[in-house]
Amino acid sequence: MIKITFESATGARQEIEANPGESLMIAAVRNRVKGIEAACGGSLVCGTCHVFVSEPWFSALPEMRADERLMLDYGVETAENSRLACQIPVTAALDGALVRTPVAQI
């Protein structure tokens, strides 16, 4: 199992265990992470799984596809380390990662 810590905009932390190969969004929903609504179920059409991925884990992620970038362009409170959790595959490289959720998703 891969351990990932989610931190809300209020500073509350929740460590979860994720399975290699599943998306970070699926792992967050399964573990009832507050701030990850995942309204579209991972179809890349809603942006309600927006997260900020801390370094060094952000640099270990696969390159963002154009459709994810487009969805984030319509997002609120995006940053250079913004990603959609539905587009992040869980791998061993994410073990110990710190992922934050934006204020808009409290």
PDB file of N, CA and C in Angstrom:
ATOM      1  N   MET A   1       0.834  -1.194   0.000  1.00  0.00           N
ATOM      2  CA  MET A   1       0.000   0.000   0.000  1.00  0.00           C
ATOM      3  C   MET A   1       0.877   1.255   0.000  1.00  0.00           C
ATOM      4  N   ILE A   2       0.373   2.256  -0.686  1.00  0.00           N
ATOM      5  CA  ILE A   2       1.052   3.543  -0.779  1.00  0.00           C
ATOM      6  C   ILE A   2       0.370   4.498   0.206  1.00  0.00           C
ATOM      7  N   LYS A   3       1.142   5.163   1.050  1.00  0.00           N
ATOM      8  CA  LYS A   3       0.571   6.102   2.016  1.00  0.00           C
ATOM      9  C   LYS A   3       0.664   7.521   1.466  1.00  0.00           C
ATOM     10  N   ILE A   4      -0.472   8.224   1.516  1.00  0.00           N
ATOM     11  CA  ILE A   4      -0.567   9.596   1.017  1.00  0.00           C
ATOM     12  C   ILE A   4      -1.309  10.412   2.062  1.00  0.00           C
ATOM     13  N   THR A   5      -0.812  11.611   2.341  1.00  0.00           N
ATOM     14  CA  THR A   5      -1.465  12.495   3.297  1.00  0.00           C
ATOM     15  C   THR A   5      -2.170  13.609   2.549  1.00  0.00           C
ATOM     16  N   PHE A   6      -3.461  13.763   2.831  1.00  0.00           N
ATOM     17  CA  PHE A   6      -4.253  14.868   2.305  1.00  0.00           C
ATOM     18  C   PHE A   6      -4.357  15.927   3.387  1.00  0.00           C
ATOM     19  N   GLU A   7      -4.201  17.177   2.985  1.00  0.00           N
ATOM     20  CA  GLU A   7      -4.347  18.295   3.917  1.00  0.00           C
ATOM     21  C   GLU A   7      -5.384  19.255   3.353  1.00  0.00           C
ATOM     22  N   SER A   8      -6.396  19.559   4.157  1.00  0.00           N
ATOM     23  CA  SER A   8      -7.436  20.489   3.715  1.00  0.00           C
ATOM     24  C   SER A   8      -6.934  21.920   3.847  1.00  0.00           C
ATOM     25  N   ALA A   9      -7.687  22.854   3.286  1.00  0.00           N
ATOM     26  CA  ALA A   9      -7.340  24.275   3.373  1.00  0.00           C
ATOM     27  C   ALA A   9      -7.375  24.761   4.813  1.00  0.00           C
ATOM     28  N   THR A  10      -8.046  24.030   5.688  1.00  0.00           N
ATOM     29  CA  THR A  10      -8.103  24.410   7.108  1.00  0.00           C
ATOM     30  C   THR A  10      -6.945  23.813   7.898  1.00  0.00           C
ATOM     31  N   GLY A  11      -6.129  22.973   7.250  1.00  0.00           N
ATOM     32  CA  GLY A  11      -4.977  22.371   7.911  1.00  0.00           C
ATOM     33  C   GLY A  11      -5.224  20.978   8.454  1.00  0.00           C
ATOM     34  N   ALA A  12      -6.463  20.485   8.363  1.00  0.00           N
ATOM     35  CA  ALA A  12      -6.756  19.129   8.830  1.00  0.00           C
ATOM     36  C   ALA A  12      -6.070  18.120   7.921  1.00  0.00           C
ATOM     37  N   ARG A  13      -5.441  17.125   8.510  1.00  0.00           N
ATOM     38  CA  ARG A  13      -4.723  16.109   7.737  1.00  0.00           C
ATOM     39  C   ARG A  13      -5.367  14.743   7.886  1.00  0.00           C
ATOM     40  N   GLN A  14      -5.300  13.977   6.806  1.00  0.00           N
ATOM     41  CA  GLN A  14      -5.799  12.604   6.799  1.00  0.00           C
ATOM     42  C   GLN A  14      -4.838  11.763   5.971  1.00  0.00           C
ATOM     43  N   GLU A  15      -4.255  10.755   6.597  1.00  0.00           N
ATOM     44  CA  GLU A  15      -3.383   9.842   5.869  1.00  0.00           C
ATOM     45  C   GLU A  15      -4.224   8.676   5.370  1.00  0.00           C
ATOM     46  N   ILE A  16      -4.043   8.360   4.092  1.00  0.00           N
ATOM     47  CA  ILE A  16      -4.792   7.249   3.502  1.00  0.00           C
ATOM     48  C   ILE A  16      -3.822   6.223   2.940  1.00  0.00           C
ATOM     49  N   GLU A  17      -4.353   5.049   2.652  1.00  0.00           N
ATOM     50  CA  GLU A  17      -3.598   4.025   1.942  1.00  0.00           C
ATOM     51  C   GLU A  17      -4.230   3.866   0.570  1.00  0.00           C
ATOM     52  N   ALA A  18      -3.397   3.893  -0.447  1.00  0.00           N
ATOM     53  CA  ALA A  18      -3.864   3.792  -1.831  1.00  0.00           C
ATOM     54  C   ALA A  18      -3.238   2.569  -2.487  1.00  0.00           C
ATOM     55  N   ASN A  19      -3.967   1.993  -3.417  1.00  0.00           N
ATOM     56  CA  ASN A  19      -3.492   0.824  -4.144  1.00  0.00           C
ATOM     57  C   ASN A  19      -2.752   1.246  -5.412  1.00  0.00           C
ATOM     58  N   PRO A  20      -1.600   0.673  -5.666  1.00  0.00           N
ATOM     59  CA  PRO A  20      -0.904   0.978  -6.916  1.00  0.00           C
ATOM     60  C   PRO A  20      -1.816   0.694  -8.111  1.00  0.00           C
ATOM     61  N   GLY A  21      -1.816   1.626  -9.064  1.00  0.00           N
ATOM     62  CA  GLY A  21      -2.611   1.457 -10.275  1.00  0.00           C
ATOM     63  C   GLY A  21      -3.951   2.162 -10.252  1.00  0.00           C
ATOM     64  N   GLU A  22      -4.509   2.421  -9.060  1.00  0.00           N
ATOM     65  CA  GLU A  22      -5.769   3.159  -9.024  1.00  0.00           C
ATOM     66  C   GLU A  22      -5.466   4.650  -9.121  1.00  0.00           C
ATOM     67  N   SER A  23      -6.480   5.444  -9.416  1.00  0.00           N
ATOM     68  CA  SER A  23      -6.261   6.886  -9.469  1.00  0.00           C
ATOM     69  C   SER A  23      -6.267   7.443  -8.049  1.00  0.00           C
ATOM     70  N   LEU A  24      -5.609   8.554  -7.877  1.00  0.00           N
ATOM     71  CA  LEU A  24      -5.589   9.219  -6.577  1.00  0.00           C
ATOM     72  C   LEU A  24      -7.007   9.607  -6.158  1.00  0.00           C
ATOM     73  N   MET A  25      -7.850   9.971  -7.121  1.00  0.00           N
ATOM     74  CA  MET A  25      -9.247  10.313  -6.829  1.00  0.00           C
ATOM     75  C   MET A  25      -9.994   9.116  -6.255  1.00  0.00           C
ATOM     76  N   ILE A  26      -9.843   7.942  -6.871  1.00  0.00           N
ATOM     77  CA  ILE A  26     -10.518   6.733  -6.386  1.00  0.00           C
ATOM     78  C   ILE A  26     -10.070   6.433  -4.958  1.00  0.00           C
ATOM     79  N   ALA A  27      -8.783   6.528  -4.701  1.00  0.00           N
ATOM     80  CA  ALA A  27      -8.265   6.280  -3.353  1.00  0.00           C
ATOM     81  C   ALA A  27      -8.843   7.277  -2.355  1.00  0.00           C
ATOM     82  N   ALA A  28      -8.928   8.543  -2.756  1.00  0.00           N
ATOM     83  CA  ALA A  28      -9.472   9.576  -1.868  1.00  0.00           C
ATOM     84  C   ALA A  28     -10.952   9.344  -1.578  1.00  0.00           C
ATOM     85  N   VAL A  29     -11.718   9.007  -2.593  1.00  0.00           N
ATOM     86  CA  VAL A  29     -13.153   8.756  -2.411  1.00  0.00           C
ATOM     87  C   VAL A  29     -13.359   7.530  -1.531  1.00  0.00           C
ATOM     88  N   ARG A  30     -12.605   6.474  -1.789  1.00  0.00           N
ATOM     89  CA  ARG A  30     -12.735   5.248  -0.989  1.00  0.00           C
ATOM     90  C   ARG A  30     -12.437   5.513   0.483  1.00  0.00           C
ATOM     91  N   ASN A  31     -11.515   6.446   0.742  1.00  0.00           N
ATOM     92  CA  ASN A  31     -11.128   6.783   2.106  1.00  0.00           C
ATOM     93  C   ASN A  31     -11.881   7.994   2.669  1.00  0.00           C
ATOM     94  N   ARG A  32     -12.872   8.462   1.920  1.00  0.00           N
ATOM     95  CA  ARG A  32     -13.737   9.576   2.347  1.00  0.00           C
ATOM     96  C   ARG A  32     -12.951  10.833   2.711  1.00  0.00           C
ATOM     97  N   VAL A  33     -12.033  11.211   1.837  1.00  0.00           N
ATOM     98  CA  VAL A  33     -11.254  12.423   2.047  1.00  0.00           C
ATOM     99  C   VAL A  33     -12.158  13.632   1.817  1.00  0.00           C
ATOM    100  N   LYS A  34     -12.261  14.477   2.814  1.00  0.00           N
ATOM    101  CA  LYS A  34     -13.063  15.700   2.678  1.00  0.00           C
ATOM    102  C   LYS A  34     -12.385  16.617   1.672  1.00  0.00           C
ATOM    103  N   GLY A  35     -13.187  17.227   0.813  1.00  0.00           N
ATOM    104  CA  GLY A  35     -12.657  18.129  -0.195  1.00  0.00           C
ATOM    105  C   GLY A  35     -12.484  17.489  -1.560  1.00  0.00           C
ATOM    106  N   ILE A  36     -12.658  16.181  -1.639  1.00  0.00           N
ATOM    107  CA  ILE A  36     -12.604  15.487  -2.924  1.00  0.00           C
ATOM    108  C   ILE A  36     -14.011  14.994  -3.226  1.00  0.00           C
ATOM    109  N   GLU A  37     -14.743  15.804  -3.993  1.00  0.00           N
ATOM    110  CA  GLU A  37     -16.128  15.452  -4.316  1.00  0.00           C
ATOM    111  C   GLU A  37     -16.195  14.413  -5.431  1.00  0.00           C
ATOM    112  N   ALA A  38     -15.385  14.598  -6.458  1.00  0.00           N
ATOM    113  CA  ALA A  38     -15.341  13.670  -7.594  1.00  0.00           C
ATOM    114  C   ALA A  38     -16.720  13.505  -8.227  1.00  0.00           C
ATOM    115  N   ALA A  39     -17.385  14.615  -8.476  1.00  0.00           N
ATOM    116  CA  ALA A  39     -18.765  14.611  -8.978  1.00  0.00           C
ATOM    117  C   ALA A  39     -18.918  13.867 -10.297  1.00  0.00           C
ATOM    118  N   CYS A  40     -17.908  13.908 -11.164  1.00  0.00           N
ATOM    119  CA  CYS A  40     -18.035  13.251 -12.468  1.00  0.00           C
ATOM    120  C   CYS A  40     -17.498  11.828 -12.459  1.00  0.00           C
ATOM    121  N   GLY A  41     -17.004  11.371 -11.316  1.00  0.00           N
ATOM    122  CA  GLY A  41     -16.510  10.006 -11.212  1.00  0.00           C
ATOM    123  C   GLY A  41     -15.210   9.750 -11.953  1.00  0.00           C
ATOM    124  N   GLY A  42     -14.491  10.795 -12.276  1.00  0.00           N
ATOM    125  CA  GLY A  42     -13.212  10.619 -12.964  1.00  0.00           C
ATOM    126  C   GLY A  42     -13.279  10.781 -14.465  1.00  0.00           C
ATOM    127  N   SER A  43     -14.366  11.368 -14.952  1.00  0.00           N
ATOM    128  CA  SER A  43     -14.541  11.553 -16.397  1.00  0.00           C
ATOM    129  C   SER A  43     -13.846  12.793 -16.945  1.00  0.00           C
ATOM    130  N   LEU A  44     -13.175  13.530 -16.088  1.00  0.00           N
ATOM    131  CA  LEU A  44     -12.425  14.730 -16.477  1.00  0.00           C
ATOM    132  C   LEU A  44     -13.343  15.835 -17.007  1.00  0.00           C
ATOM    133  N   VAL A  45     -14.500  16.014 -16.353  1.00  0.00           N
ATOM    134  CA  VAL A  45     -15.415  17.061 -16.805  1.00  0.00           C
ATOM    135  C   VAL A  45     -15.893  17.983 -15.686  1.00  0.00           C
ATOM    136  N   CYS A  46     -15.385  17.828 -14.454  1.00  0.00           N
ATOM    137  CA  CYS A  46     -15.934  18.674 -13.386  1.00  0.00           C
ATOM    138  C   CYS A  46     -14.895  19.446 -12.588  1.00  0.00           C
ATOM    139  N   GLY A  47     -13.728  18.913 -12.379  1.00  0.00           N
ATOM    140  CA  GLY A  47     -12.696  19.608 -11.614  1.00  0.00           C
ATOM    141  C   GLY A  47     -12.867  19.536 -10.104  1.00  0.00           C
ATOM    142  N   THR A  48     -13.793  18.724  -9.599  1.00  0.00           N
ATOM    143  CA  THR A  48     -14.022  18.670  -8.149  1.00  0.00           C
ATOM    144  C   THR A  48     -13.058  17.736  -7.424  1.00  0.00           C
ATOM    145  N   CYS A  49     -12.027  17.307  -8.107  1.00  0.00           N
ATOM    146  CA  CYS A  49     -10.963  16.527  -7.466  1.00  0.00           C
ATOM    147  C   CYS A  49      -9.628  17.269  -7.593  1.00  0.00           C
ATOM    148  N   HIS A  50      -9.715  18.593  -7.749  1.00  0.00           N
ATOM    149  CA  HIS A  50      -8.531  19.445  -7.868  1.00  0.00           C
ATOM    150  C   HIS A  50      -7.691  19.333  -6.600  1.00  0.00           C
ATOM    151  N   VAL A  51      -6.398  19.150  -6.775  1.00  0.00           N
ATOM    152  CA  VAL A  51      -5.466  19.084  -5.649  1.00  0.00           C
ATOM    153  C   VAL A  51      -4.183  19.835  -5.990  1.00  0.00           C
ATOM    154  N   PHE A  52      -3.444  20.155  -4.938  1.00  0.00           N
ATOM    155  CA  PHE A  52      -2.099  20.711  -5.063  1.00  0.00           C
ATOM    156  C   PHE A  52      -1.142  19.625  -4.579  1.00  0.00           C
ATOM    157  N   VAL A  53      -0.240  19.202  -5.429  1.00  0.00           N
ATOM    158  CA  VAL A  53       0.700  18.138  -5.079  1.00  0.00           C
ATOM    159  C   VAL A  53       2.040  18.778  -4.718  1.00  0.00           C
ATOM    160  N   SER A  54       2.510  18.494  -3.515  1.00  0.00           N
ATOM    161  CA  SER A  54       3.773  19.062  -3.033  1.00  0.00           C
ATOM    162  C   SER A  54       4.965  18.391  -3.710  1.00  0.00           C
ATOM    163  N   GLU A  55       6.072  19.111  -3.724  1.00  0.00           N
ATOM    164  CA  GLU A  55       7.342  18.534  -4.189  1.00  0.00           C
ATOM    165  C   GLU A  55       7.901  17.660  -3.081  1.00  0.00           C
ATOM    166  N   PRO A  56       8.636  16.661  -3.392  1.00  0.00           N
ATOM    167  CA  PRO A  56       9.165  16.283  -4.695  1.00  0.00           C
ATOM    168  C   PRO A  56       8.210  15.410  -5.508  1.00  0.00           C
ATOM    169  N   TRP A  57       7.043  15.118  -4.958  1.00  0.00           N
ATOM    170  CA  TRP A  57       6.104  14.213  -5.614  1.00  0.00           C
ATOM    171  C   TRP A  57       5.508  14.802  -6.882  1.00  0.00           C
ATOM    172  N   PHE A  58       5.309  16.126  -6.915  1.00  0.00           N
ATOM    173  CA  PHE A  58       4.749  16.754  -8.108  1.00  0.00           C
ATOM    174  C   PHE A  58       5.625  16.466  -9.324  1.00  0.00           C
ATOM    175  N   SER A  59       6.917  16.580  -9.158  1.00  0.00           N
ATOM    176  CA  SER A  59       7.846  16.349 -10.268  1.00  0.00           C
ATOM    177  C   SER A  59       7.870  14.895 -10.726  1.00  0.00           C
ATOM    178  N   ALA A  60       7.414  13.979  -9.876  1.00  0.00           N
ATOM    179  CA  ALA A  60       7.404  12.557 -10.223  1.00  0.00           C
ATOM    180  C   ALA A  60       6.147  12.143 -10.984  1.00  0.00           C
ATOM    181  N   LEU A  61       5.183  13.056 -11.108  1.00  0.00           N
ATOM    182  CA  LEU A  61       3.927  12.727 -11.790  1.00  0.00           C
ATOM    183  C   LEU A  61       4.116  12.676 -13.294  1.00  0.00           C
ATOM    184  N   PRO A  62       3.279  11.880 -13.973  1.00  0.00           N
ATOM    185  CA  PRO A  62       3.324  11.905 -15.437  1.00  0.00           C
ATOM    186  C   PRO A  62       2.921  13.289 -15.941  1.00  0.00           C
ATOM    187  N   GLU A  63       3.373  13.614 -17.107  1.00  0.00           N
ATOM    188  CA  GLU A  63       3.059  14.914 -17.700  1.00  0.00           C
ATOM    189  C   GLU A  63       1.541  15.101 -17.844  1.00  0.00           C
ATOM    190  N   MET A  64       1.098  16.315 -17.605  1.00  0.00           N
ATOM    191  CA  MET A  64      -0.322  16.628 -17.713  1.00  0.00           C
ATOM    192  C   MET A  64      -0.752  16.638 -19.175  1.00  0.00           C
ATOM    193  N   ARG A  65      -1.886  16.000 -19.443  1.00  0.00           N
ATOM    194  CA  ARG A  65      -2.439  16.003 -20.804  1.00  0.00           C
ATOM    195  C   ARG A  65      -3.181  17.321 -21.054  1.00  0.00           C
ATOM    196  N   ALA A  66      -3.409  17.625 -22.301  1.00  0.00           N
ATOM    197  CA  ALA A  66      -4.063  18.873 -22.698  1.00  0.00           C
ATOM    198  C   ALA A  66      -5.468  18.999 -22.131  1.00  0.00           C
ATOM    199  N   ASP A  67      -6.232  17.895 -22.071  1.00  0.00           N
ATOM    200  CA  ASP A  67      -7.598  17.986 -21.559  1.00  0.00           C
ATOM    201  C   ASP A  67      -7.630  18.280 -20.063  1.00  0.00           C
ATOM    202  N   GLU A  68      -6.652  17.791 -19.313  1.00  0.00           N
ATOM    203  CA  GLU A  68      -6.564  18.125 -17.890  1.00  0.00           C
ATOM    204  C   GLU A  68      -6.208  19.599 -17.729  1.00  0.00           C
ATOM    205  N   ARG A  69      -5.253  20.078 -18.526  1.00  0.00           N
ATOM    206  CA  ARG A  69      -4.851  21.493 -18.476  1.00  0.00           C
ATOM    207  C   ARG A  69      -6.048  22.385 -18.776  1.00  0.00           C
ATOM    208  N   LEU A  70      -6.837  22.026 -19.774  1.00  0.00           N
ATOM    209  CA  LEU A  70      -8.016  22.804 -20.136  1.00  0.00           C
ATOM    210  C   LEU A  70      -9.005  22.865 -18.973  1.00  0.00           C
ATOM    211  N   MET A  71      -9.250  21.752 -18.308  1.00  0.00           N
ATOM    212  CA  MET A  71     -10.168  21.731 -17.164  1.00  0.00           C
ATOM    213  C   MET A  71      -9.632  22.611 -16.039  1.00  0.00           C
ATOM    214  N   LEU A  72      -8.343  22.552 -15.783  1.00  0.00           N
ATOM    215  CA  LEU A  72      -7.758  23.389 -14.736  1.00  0.00           C
ATOM    216  C   LEU A  72      -7.791  24.865 -15.105  1.00  0.00           C
ATOM    217  N   ASP A  73      -7.726  25.172 -16.402  1.00  0.00           N
ATOM    218  CA  ASP A  73      -7.815  26.566 -16.834  1.00  0.00           C
ATOM    219  C   ASP A  73      -9.138  27.203 -16.434  1.00  0.00           C
ATOM    220  N   TYR A  74     -10.175  26.385 -16.276  1.00  0.00           N
ATOM    221  CA  TYR A  74     -11.482  26.872 -15.850  1.00  0.00           C
ATOM    222  C   TYR A  74     -11.656  26.796 -14.336  1.00  0.00           C
ATOM    223  N   GLY A  75     -10.660  26.306 -13.648  1.00  0.00           N
ATOM    224  CA  GLY A  75     -10.743  26.109 -12.203  1.00  0.00           C
ATOM    225  C   GLY A  75     -10.555  27.390 -11.413  1.00  0.00           C
ATOM    226  N   VAL A  76     -10.831  27.256 -10.140  1.00  0.00           N
ATOM    227  CA  VAL A  76     -10.666  28.356  -9.192  1.00  0.00           C
ATOM    228  C   VAL A  76      -9.443  28.050  -8.345  1.00  0.00           C
ATOM    229  N   GLU A  77      -8.646  29.065  -8.062  1.00  0.00           N
ATOM    230  CA  GLU A  77      -7.513  28.923  -7.150  1.00  0.00           C
ATOM    231  C   GLU A  77      -6.488  27.901  -7.628  1.00  0.00           C
ATOM    232  N   THR A  78      -6.188  27.896  -8.909  1.00  0.00           N
ATOM    233  CA  THR A  78      -5.189  26.961  -9.410  1.00  0.00           C
ATOM    234  C   THR A  78      -3.782  27.526  -9.193  1.00  0.00           C
ATOM    235  N   ALA A  79      -2.815  26.642  -9.222  1.00  0.00           N
ATOM    236  CA  ALA A  79      -1.414  27.010  -9.027  1.00  0.00           C
ATOM    237  C   ALA A  79      -0.551  26.137  -9.931  1.00  0.00           C
ATOM    238  N   GLU A  80       0.742  26.392  -9.920  1.00  0.00           N
ATOM    239  CA  GLU A  80       1.648  25.621 -10.768  1.00  0.00           C
ATOM    240  C   GLU A  80       1.657  24.138 -10.410  1.00  0.00           C
ATOM    241  N   ASN A  81       1.327  23.804  -9.161  1.00  0.00           N
ATOM    242  CA  ASN A  81       1.328  22.403  -8.742  1.00  0.00           C
ATOM    243  C   ASN A  81      -0.088  21.825  -8.682  1.00  0.00           C
ATOM    244  N   SER A  82      -1.026  22.450  -9.392  1.00  0.00           N
ATOM    245  CA  SER A  82      -2.393  21.941  -9.471  1.00  0.00           C
ATOM    246  C   SER A  82      -2.464  20.732 -10.389  1.00  0.00           C
ATOM    247  N   ARG A  83      -3.246  19.750  -9.971  1.00  0.00           N
ATOM    248  CA  ARG A  83      -3.558  18.595 -10.801  1.00  0.00           C
ATOM    249  C   ARG A  83      -4.962  18.139 -10.449  1.00  0.00           C
ATOM    250  N   LEU A  84      -5.530  17.303 -11.305  1.00  0.00           N
ATOM    251  CA  LEU A  84      -6.800  16.657 -11.001  1.00  0.00           C
ATOM    252  C   LEU A  84      -6.474  15.251 -10.515  1.00  0.00           C
ATOM    253  N   ALA A  85      -6.981  14.911  -9.340  1.00  0.00           N
ATOM    254  CA  ALA A  85      -6.657  13.616  -8.732  1.00  0.00           C
ATOM    255  C   ALA A  85      -7.106  12.451  -9.600  1.00  0.00           C
ATOM    256  N   CYS A  86      -8.122  12.664 -10.425  1.00  0.00           N
ATOM    257  CA  CYS A  86      -8.588  11.583 -11.308  1.00  0.00           C
ATOM    258  C   CYS A  86      -7.569  11.253 -12.386  1.00  0.00           C
ATOM    259  N   GLN A  87      -6.608  12.124 -12.597  1.00  0.00           N
ATOM    260  CA  GLN A  87      -5.603  11.922 -13.643  1.00  0.00           C
ATOM    261  C   GLN A  87      -4.242  11.515 -13.086  1.00  0.00           C
ATOM    262  N   ILE A  88      -4.201  11.254 -11.786  1.00  0.00           N
ATOM    263  CA  ILE A  88      -2.939  10.872 -11.148  1.00  0.00           C
ATOM    264  C   ILE A  88      -2.973   9.384 -10.808  1.00  0.00           C
ATOM    265  N   PRO A  89      -2.180   8.583 -11.502  1.00  0.00           N
ATOM    266  CA  PRO A  89      -2.116   7.164 -11.142  1.00  0.00           C
ATOM    267  C   PRO A  89      -1.262   6.993  -9.888  1.00  0.00           C
ATOM    268  N   VAL A  90      -1.729   6.166  -8.984  1.00  0.00           N
ATOM    269  CA  VAL A  90      -0.970   5.891  -7.767  1.00  0.00           C
ATOM    270  C   VAL A  90       0.160   4.938  -8.115  1.00  0.00           C
ATOM    271  N   THR A  91       1.367   5.358  -7.768  1.00  0.00           N
ATOM    272  CA  THR A  91       2.569   4.537  -7.968  1.00  0.00           C
ATOM    273  C   THR A  91       3.422   4.630  -6.701  1.00  0.00           C
ATOM    274  N   ALA A  92       4.435   3.808  -6.624  1.00  0.00           N
ATOM    275  CA  ALA A  92       5.345   3.839  -5.480  1.00  0.00           C
ATOM    276  C   ALA A  92       6.009   5.209  -5.334  1.00  0.00           C
ATOM    277  N   ALA A  93       6.133   5.951  -6.434  1.00  0.00           N
ATOM    278  CA  ALA A  93       6.752   7.282  -6.383  1.00  0.00           C
ATOM    279  C   ALA A  93       5.934   8.261  -5.549  1.00  0.00           C
ATOM    280  N   LEU A  94       4.658   7.952  -5.303  1.00  0.00           N
ATOM    281  CA  LEU A  94       3.800   8.831  -4.487  1.00  0.00           C
ATOM    282  C   LEU A  94       3.814   8.474  -3.001  1.00  0.00           C
ATOM    283  N   ASP A  95       4.518   7.415  -2.627  1.00  0.00           N
ATOM    284  CA  ASP A  95       4.526   7.012  -1.228  1.00  0.00           C
ATOM    285  C   ASP A  95       5.045   8.151  -0.353  1.00  0.00           C
ATOM    286  N   GLY A  96       4.240   8.530   0.639  1.00  0.00           N
ATOM    287  CA  GLY A  96       4.600   9.618   1.546  1.00  0.00           C
ATOM    288  C   GLY A  96       4.189  10.996   1.065  1.00  0.00           C
ATOM    289  N   ALA A  97       3.520  11.080  -0.074  1.00  0.00           N
ATOM    290  CA  ALA A  97       3.166  12.372  -0.671  1.00  0.00           C
ATOM    291  C   ALA A  97       2.240  13.191   0.224  1.00  0.00           C
ATOM    292  N   LEU A  98       2.387  14.504   0.115  1.00  0.00           N
ATOM    293  CA  LEU A  98       1.493  15.461   0.748  1.00  0.00           C
ATOM    294  C   LEU A  98       0.704  16.139  -0.361  1.00  0.00           C
ATOM    295  N   VAL A  99      -0.617  16.025  -0.277  1.00  0.00           N
ATOM    296  CA  VAL A  99      -1.526  16.569  -1.276  1.00  0.00           C
ATOM    297  C   VAL A  99      -2.500  17.487  -0.559  1.00  0.00           C
ATOM    298  N   ARG A 100      -2.651  18.703  -1.068  1.00  0.00           N
ATOM    299  CA  ARG A 100      -3.555  19.666  -0.428  1.00  0.00           C
ATOM    300  C   ARG A 100      -4.780  19.894  -1.291  1.00  0.00           C
ATOM    301  N   THR A 101      -5.905  20.177  -0.626  1.00  0.00           N
ATOM    302  CA  THR A 101      -7.135  20.521  -1.354  1.00  0.00           C
ATOM    303  C   THR A 101      -7.362  22.022  -1.224  1.00  0.00           C
ATOM    304  N   PRO A 102      -7.941  22.642  -2.256  1.00  0.00           N
ATOM    305  CA  PRO A 102      -8.124  24.093  -2.235  1.00  0.00           C
ATOM    306  C   PRO A 102      -9.282  24.543  -1.339  1.00  0.00           C
ATOM    307  N   VAL A 103      -9.250  25.821  -0.996  1.00  0.00           N
ATOM    308  CA  VAL A 103     -10.295  26.427  -0.164  1.00  0.00           C
ATOM    309  C   VAL A 103     -11.668  26.206  -0.775  1.00  0.00           C
ATOM    310  N   ALA A 104     -11.767  26.295  -2.086  1.00  0.00           N
ATOM    311  CA  ALA A 104     -13.056  26.139  -2.775  1.00  0.00           C
ATOM    312  C   ALA A 104     -13.680  24.771  -2.544  1.00  0.00           C
ATOM    313  N   GLN A 105     -12.908  23.807  -2.052  1.00  0.00           N
ATOM    314  CA  GLN A 105     -13.401  22.450  -1.860  1.00  0.00           C
ATOM    315  C   GLN A 105     -13.535  22.075  -0.382  1.00  0.00           C
ATOM    316  N   ILE A 106     -13.736  23.074   0.451  1.00  0.00           N
ATOM    317  CA  ILE A 106     -13.933  22.789   1.903  1.00  0.00           C
ATOM    318  C   ILE A 106     -15.310  22.204   2.100  1.00  0.00           C
TER     319      ILE A 106
END
